[in-house]
């Protein structure tokens, strides 16, 4: 039984993923501190934050709305990882992109569950 957003595996994993993104972006050039670094960190933080905010709202409709925002942040971060690769700030973000794909699947299943 889920009593809180903290009980959700997607929330737990996405919290750990934030740490990974902070670690990756800490190696970006200093001039990117307010550019790609900041954008990637904000997108990563947005994933568990929107899951939590939606879970704290009343009703499934509100929760689904925030889960959709989290999905948008996943797509945004996936794109930013690809940009970081093109700019040669990261070598191979395959692991992180696969995690984001997994998060997307988990959130879509949660949305389907809330809709039924």
Protein backbone atom coordinates (compact mmCIF):
# COMPACT_ATOMS: atom_id res chain seq x y z
CA UNK A 1 0.00 0.00 0.00
CA UNK A 2 1.34 3.39 -1.03
CA UNK A 3 1.07 5.91 1.79
CA UNK A 4 3.37 8.58 0.37
CA UNK A 5 5.31 9.47 -2.76
CA UNK A 6 8.37 8.20 -0.87
CA UNK A 7 6.97 4.67 -1.21
CA UNK A 8 7.13 4.87 -5.01
CA UNK A 9 10.11 3.18 -6.66
CA UNK A 10 10.11 5.80 -9.44
CA UNK A 11 10.47 8.58 -6.85
CA UNK A 12 13.26 6.74 -5.01
CA UNK A 13 15.22 6.04 -8.21
CA UNK A 14 14.75 9.53 -9.61
CA UNK A 15 16.12 11.02 -6.36
CA UNK A 16 19.30 8.97 -6.85
CA UNK A 17 19.38 10.01 -10.50
CA UNK A 18 19.53 13.68 -9.44
CA UNK A 19 22.79 12.86 -7.66
CA UNK A 20 24.14 11.31 -10.87
CA UNK A 21 23.26 14.37 -12.95
CA UNK A 22 24.87 16.69 -10.39
CA UNK A 23 28.00 14.56 -10.54
CA UNK A 24 28.08 14.52 -14.36
CA UNK A 25 27.52 18.26 -14.67
CA UNK A 26 30.16 19.08 -12.06
CA UNK A 27 32.71 18.25 -14.78
CA UNK A 28 31.20 20.64 -17.34
CA UNK A 29 33.15 23.78 -18.25
CA UNK A 30 32.78 26.66 -15.78
CA UNK A 31 31.16 28.86 -18.42
CA UNK A 32 28.27 26.36 -18.57
CA UNK A 33 27.38 26.86 -14.89
CA UNK A 34 24.41 29.05 -15.79
CA UNK A 35 23.72 27.34 -19.10
CA UNK A 36 23.47 23.62 -19.74
CA UNK A 37 24.61 22.66 -16.23
CA UNK A 38 21.78 24.60 -14.61
CA UNK A 39 19.19 23.39 -17.12
CA UNK A 40 20.12 19.74 -16.67
CA UNK A 41 20.09 19.98 -12.90
CA UNK A 42 16.72 21.71 -12.88
CA UNK A 43 15.23 19.10 -15.24
CA UNK A 44 16.60 16.26 -13.10
CA UNK A 45 15.23 17.81 -9.88
CA UNK A 46 11.89 18.37 -11.59
CA UNK A 47 11.28 14.64 -12.07
CA UNK A 48 10.99 13.54 -8.40
CA UNK A 49 9.62 16.96 -7.42
CA UNK A 50 6.64 16.69 -9.76
CA UNK A 51 5.99 13.09 -8.76
CA UNK A 52 5.87 14.23 -5.13
CA UNK A 53 3.79 17.32 -5.80
CA UNK A 54 1.25 15.36 -7.82
CA UNK A 55 1.00 12.69 -5.14
CA UNK A 56 0.33 15.40 -2.60
CA UNK A 57 -2.58 16.84 -4.55
CA UNK A 58 -6.16 15.76 -4.20
CA UNK A 59 -7.37 13.30 -6.78
CA UNK A 60 -5.84 11.29 -9.57
CA UNK A 61 -6.46 13.96 -12.21
CA UNK A 62 -4.08 16.38 -10.47
CA UNK A 63 -1.51 13.65 -9.89
CA UNK A 64 -1.60 12.67 -13.56
CA UNK A 65 -1.09 16.30 -14.55
CA UNK A 66 2.11 16.46 -12.50
CA UNK A 67 3.26 13.07 -13.77
CA UNK A 68 2.92 14.47 -17.29
CA UNK A 69 5.12 17.39 -16.27
CA UNK A 70 7.68 14.86 -14.99
CA UNK A 71 7.50 13.13 -18.39
CA UNK A 72 8.29 16.46 -20.03
CA UNK A 73 11.32 16.87 -17.78
CA UNK A 74 12.50 13.39 -18.75
CA UNK A 75 12.34 14.30 -22.44
CA UNK A 76 14.07 17.60 -21.76
CA UNK A 77 16.90 15.94 -19.84
CA UNK A 78 17.30 13.24 -22.49
CA UNK A 79 17.75 15.97 -25.09
CA UNK A 80 20.20 17.86 -22.89
CA UNK A 81 22.30 14.73 -22.42
CA UNK A 82 22.47 14.38 -26.20
CA UNK A 83 23.52 18.03 -26.48
CA UNK A 84 26.19 17.49 -23.82
CA UNK A 85 27.47 14.56 -25.88
CA UNK A 86 27.61 16.63 -29.08
CA UNK A 87 29.45 19.38 -27.19
CA UNK A 88 31.81 16.69 -25.85
CA UNK A 89 31.00 17.46 -22.21
CA UNK A 90 30.16 13.76 -21.69
CA UNK A 91 31.53 10.74 -23.47
CA UNK A 92 28.65 8.31 -23.51
CA UNK A 93 25.36 9.12 -21.77
CA UNK A 94 23.80 5.79 -22.79
CA UNK A 95 23.39 4.62 -19.18
CA UNK A 96 21.65 7.83 -18.16
CA UNK A 97 19.41 7.85 -21.24
CA UNK A 98 18.43 4.23 -20.56
CA UNK A 99 17.52 5.23 -17.01
CA UNK A 100 15.34 8.04 -18.34
CA UNK A 101 13.61 5.61 -20.70
CA UNK A 102 12.97 3.32 -17.74
CA UNK A 103 11.58 6.25 -15.74
CA UNK A 104 9.29 7.14 -18.65
CA UNK A 105 7.92 3.58 -18.76
CA UNK A 106 7.36 3.55 -15.00
CA UNK A 107 5.51 6.86 -15.05
CA UNK A 108 3.37 5.80 -18.00
CA UNK A 109 2.40 2.64 -16.11
CA UNK A 110 1.57 4.70 -13.05
CA UNK A 111 -0.60 7.01 -15.16
CA UNK A 112 -2.39 3.99 -16.66
CA UNK A 113 -2.97 2.63 -13.17
CA UNK A 114 -4.36 5.96 -11.96
CA UNK A 115 -6.65 6.17 -15.00
CA UNK A 116 -8.20 2.75 -14.35
